[in-house]
Amino acid sequence: MAPINERNKLLGFNKSYAFIIGINKYPLINGNLTSAVPDARRLASILNEGQGFEHVELLEDIDGATFKSLLERIKSPTLEPIITENDSIVFYYAGHGKPGEFDEGPAGYILPSDAKPS
């Protein structure tokens, strides 16, 4: 088995990034969870220590503005971290979601910690 520090080389990636979100607290919808944040912490630890990811970002109980900012940073060619087409990305979310519909078919929505009842 190749050493962890050779993971990207073995898989053909320049760098590996992980964005891990766990949300337990939902004060506006009275729907708190207990395992989302611990699950996110554990995965972040595994990717950081056991898989050799260069960038592991763990976000806990984030609101909608923070989530939007994260997506803008991931998509931006100028904001850190700068992700290229030769990099790998893991995006993990543990928390509440909501089903929805688009013209293309069914879809789901991620609910931030400040989600309001619908």
C-alpha atoms as a PDB file:
ATOM      1  CA  MET A   1       0.000   0.000   0.000  1.00  0.00           C
ATOM      2  CA  ALA A   2       1.286   3.479  -0.901  1.00  0.00           C
ATOM      3  CA  PRO A   3       2.083   5.859   1.983  1.00  0.00           C
ATOM      4  CA  ILE A   4      -0.635   8.399   2.724  1.00  0.00           C
ATOM      5  CA  ASN A   5       1.528  11.284   1.528  1.00  0.00           C
ATOM      6  CA  GLU A   6       1.526   9.703  -1.952  1.00  0.00           C
ATOM      7  CA  ARG A   7      -2.281   9.485  -2.125  1.00  0.00           C
ATOM      8  CA  ASN A   8      -2.735  12.363  -4.576  1.00  0.00           C
ATOM      9  CA  LYS A   9       0.062  11.146  -6.819  1.00  0.00           C
ATOM     10  CA  LEU A  10      -1.404   7.644  -6.873  1.00  0.00           C
ATOM     11  CA  LEU A  11      -4.899   8.960  -7.709  1.00  0.00           C
ATOM     12  CA  GLY A  12      -3.743  11.660 -10.127  1.00  0.00           C
ATOM     13  CA  PHE A  13      -4.741  14.707  -8.062  1.00  0.00           C
ATOM     14  CA  ASN A  14      -2.647  17.769  -7.280  1.00  0.00           C
ATOM     15  CA  LYS A  15      -4.325  18.369  -3.906  1.00  0.00           C
ATOM     16  CA  SER A  16      -7.295  17.058  -1.945  1.00  0.00           C
ATOM     17  CA  TYR A  17      -9.797  19.294  -0.188  1.00  0.00           C
ATOM     18  CA  ALA A  18     -12.590  18.349   2.215  1.00  0.00           C
ATOM     19  CA  PHE A  19     -15.425  20.559   3.370  1.00  0.00           C
ATOM     20  CA  ILE A  20     -17.241  18.892   6.249  1.00  0.00           C
ATOM     21  CA  ILE A  21     -20.419  20.372   7.741  1.00  0.00           C
ATOM     22  CA  GLY A  22     -22.240  19.134  10.820  1.00  0.00           C
ATOM     23  CA  ILE A  23     -25.317  20.893  12.173  1.00  0.00           C
ATOM     24  CA  ASN A  24     -26.983  19.830  15.419  1.00  0.00           C
ATOM     25  CA  LYS A  25     -28.654  23.099  16.452  1.00  0.00           C
ATOM     26  CA  TYR A  26     -31.843  24.241  14.752  1.00  0.00           C
ATOM     27  CA  PRO A  27     -33.414  26.695  17.199  1.00  0.00           C
ATOM     28  CA  LEU A  28     -36.026  28.091  14.795  1.00  0.00           C
ATOM     29  CA  ILE A  29     -37.502  24.758  13.721  1.00  0.00           C
ATOM     30  CA  ASN A  30     -37.274  22.980  17.087  1.00  0.00           C
ATOM     31  CA  GLY A  31     -35.453  20.102  15.438  1.00  0.00           C
ATOM     32  CA  ASN A  32     -32.096  19.732  17.165  1.00  0.00           C
ATOM     33  CA  LEU A  33     -29.970  16.694  16.350  1.00  0.00           C
ATOM     34  CA  THR A  34     -27.345  14.908  18.437  1.00  0.00           C
ATOM     35  CA  SER A  35     -25.097  12.998  16.035  1.00  0.00           C
ATOM     36  CA  ALA A  36     -24.491  15.322  13.055  1.00  0.00           C
ATOM     37  CA  VAL A  37     -21.613  17.296  14.613  1.00  0.00           C
ATOM     38  CA  PRO A  38     -19.839  14.249  16.115  1.00  0.00           C
ATOM     39  CA  ASP A  39     -20.140  12.433  12.767  1.00  0.00           C
ATOM     40  CA  ALA A  40     -18.666  15.428  10.936  1.00  0.00           C
ATOM     41  CA  ARG A  41     -15.814  15.688  13.447  1.00  0.00           C
ATOM     42  CA  ARG A  42     -14.961  12.027  13.048  1.00  0.00           C
ATOM     43  CA  LEU A  43     -14.922  12.196   9.249  1.00  0.00           C
ATOM     44  CA  ALA A  44     -12.765  15.342   9.327  1.00  0.00           C
ATOM     45  CA  SER A  45     -10.290  13.547  11.574  1.00  0.00           C
ATOM     46  CA  ILE A  46     -10.162  10.509   9.285  1.00  0.00           C
ATOM     47  CA  LEU A  47      -9.587  12.590   6.158  1.00  0.00           C
ATOM     48  CA  ASN A  48      -6.983  14.776   7.844  1.00  0.00           C
ATOM     49  CA  GLU A  49      -5.019  12.136   9.721  1.00  0.00           C
ATOM     50  CA  GLY A  50      -5.711   8.944   7.825  1.00  0.00           C
ATOM     51  CA  GLN A  51      -6.111  10.031   4.219  1.00  0.00           C
ATOM     52  CA  GLY A  52      -3.574  12.814   3.865  1.00  0.00           C
ATOM     53  CA  PHE A  53      -5.892  15.614   2.723  1.00  0.00           C
ATOM     54  CA  GLU A  54      -4.060  18.952   2.521  1.00  0.00           C
ATOM     55  CA  HIS A  55      -7.141  20.980   3.419  1.00  0.00           C
ATOM     56  CA  VAL A  56      -9.892  19.771   5.747  1.00  0.00           C
ATOM     57  CA  GLU A  57     -12.383  22.421   6.777  1.00  0.00           C
ATOM     58  CA  LEU A  58     -14.823  21.484   9.531  1.00  0.00           C
ATOM     59  CA  LEU A  59     -17.828  23.764  10.003  1.00  0.00           C
ATOM     60  CA  GLU A  60     -20.255  23.237  12.874  1.00  0.00           C
ATOM     61  CA  ASP A  61     -23.768  24.630  13.346  1.00  0.00           C
ATOM     62  CA  ILE A  62     -23.331  27.155  10.535  1.00  0.00           C
ATOM     63  CA  ASP A  63     -25.975  29.626   9.425  1.00  0.00           C
ATOM     64  CA  GLY A  64     -27.115  30.328   5.885  1.00  0.00           C
ATOM     65  CA  ALA A  65     -24.717  33.245   5.337  1.00  0.00           C
ATOM     66  CA  THR A  66     -21.717  31.131   6.331  1.00  0.00           C
ATOM     67  CA  PHE A  67     -22.851  28.307   4.062  1.00  0.00           C
ATOM     68  CA  LYS A  68     -23.279  30.718   1.146  1.00  0.00           C
ATOM     69  CA  SER A  69     -19.815  32.155   1.802  1.00  0.00           C
ATOM     70  CA  LEU A  70     -18.331  28.646   1.790  1.00  0.00           C
ATOM     71  CA  LEU A  71     -19.882  27.866  -1.600  1.00  0.00           C
ATOM     72  CA  GLU A  72     -18.604  31.165  -3.015  1.00  0.00           C
ATOM     73  CA  ARG A  73     -15.074  30.376  -1.801  1.00  0.00           C
ATOM     74  CA  ILE A  74     -15.175  26.870  -3.274  1.00  0.00           C
ATOM     75  CA  LYS A  75     -16.270  28.203  -6.675  1.00  0.00           C
ATOM     76  CA  SER A  76     -13.963  31.227  -6.772  1.00  0.00           C
ATOM     77  CA  PRO A  77     -10.685  31.094  -8.715  1.00  0.00           C
ATOM     78  CA  THR A  78      -9.234  33.822  -6.461  1.00  0.00           C
ATOM     79  CA  LEU A  79     -10.457  33.091  -2.914  1.00  0.00           C
ATOM     80  CA  GLU A  80      -8.668  30.649  -0.611  1.00  0.00           C
ATOM     81  CA  PRO A  81      -8.531  27.768  -0.926  1.00  0.00           C
ATOM     82  CA  ILE A  82      -7.877  27.946  -4.649  1.00  0.00           C
ATOM     83  CA  ILE A  83      -9.181  24.706  -6.113  1.00  0.00           C
ATOM     84  CA  THR A  84      -8.276  23.650  -9.635  1.00  0.00           C
ATOM     85  CA  GLU A  85      -9.699  21.073 -12.013  1.00  0.00           C
ATOM     86  CA  ASN A  86      -6.820  18.755 -11.082  1.00  0.00           C
ATOM     87  CA  ASP A  87      -7.777  18.665  -7.397  1.00  0.00           C
ATOM     88  CA  SER A  88     -10.221  16.399  -5.589  1.00  0.00           C
ATOM     89  CA  ILE A  89     -13.046  17.657  -3.378  1.00  0.00           C
ATOM     90  CA  VAL A  90     -15.074  15.890  -0.719  1.00  0.00           C
ATOM     91  CA  PHE A  91     -18.182  17.724   0.433  1.00  0.00           C
ATOM     92  CA  TYR A  92     -19.970  16.141   3.400  1.00  0.00           C
ATOM     93  CA  TYR A  93     -23.105  17.385   5.105  1.00  0.00           C
ATOM     94  CA  ALA A  94     -24.765  16.017   8.234  1.00  0.00           C
ATOM     95  CA  GLY A  95     -27.923  17.808   9.314  1.00  0.00           C
ATOM     96  CA  HIS A  96     -31.522  18.413   8.299  1.00  0.00           C
ATOM     97  CA  GLY A  97     -32.573  18.656   4.681  1.00  0.00           C
ATOM     98  CA  LYS A  98     -35.764  19.266   2.783  1.00  0.00           C
ATOM     99  CA  PRO A  99     -37.035  17.671  -0.427  1.00  0.00           C
ATOM    100  CA  GLY A 100     -37.907  19.893  -3.362  1.00  0.00           C
ATOM    101  CA  GLU A 101     -38.508  19.950  -7.103  1.00  0.00           C
ATOM    102  CA  PHE A 102     -36.729  21.562 -10.024  1.00  0.00           C
ATOM    103  CA  ASP A 103     -37.571  21.511 -13.717  1.00  0.00           C
ATOM    104  CA  GLU A 104     -35.026  18.694 -14.052  1.00  0.00           C
ATOM    105  CA  GLY A 105     -36.720  16.594 -11.358  1.00  0.00           C
ATOM    106  CA  PRO A 106     -36.517  15.981  -7.626  1.00  0.00           C
ATOM    107  CA  ALA A 107     -33.838  17.667  -5.561  1.00  0.00           C
ATOM    108  CA  GLY A 108     -32.931  18.248  -1.959  1.00  0.00           C
ATOM    109  CA  TYR A 109     -32.066  21.312   0.076  1.00  0.00           C
ATOM    110  CA  ILE A 110     -29.511  21.612   2.859  1.00  0.00           C
ATOM    111  CA  LEU A 111     -30.917  23.400   5.904  1.00  0.00           C
ATOM    112  CA  PRO A 112     -28.502  25.701   7.773  1.00  0.00           C
ATOM    113  CA  SER A 113     -28.814  26.209  11.532  1.00  0.00           C
ATOM    114  CA  ASP A 114     -30.923  29.366  11.059  1.00  0.00           C
ATOM    115  CA  ALA A 115     -33.513  27.659   8.838  1.00  0.00           C
ATOM    116  CA  LYS A 116     -37.051  28.881   9.394  1.00  0.00           C
ATOM    117  CA  PRO A 117     -40.193  26.750   9.456  1.00  0.00           C
ATOM    118  CA  SER A 118     -41.931  26.582   6.098  1.00  0.00           C
END
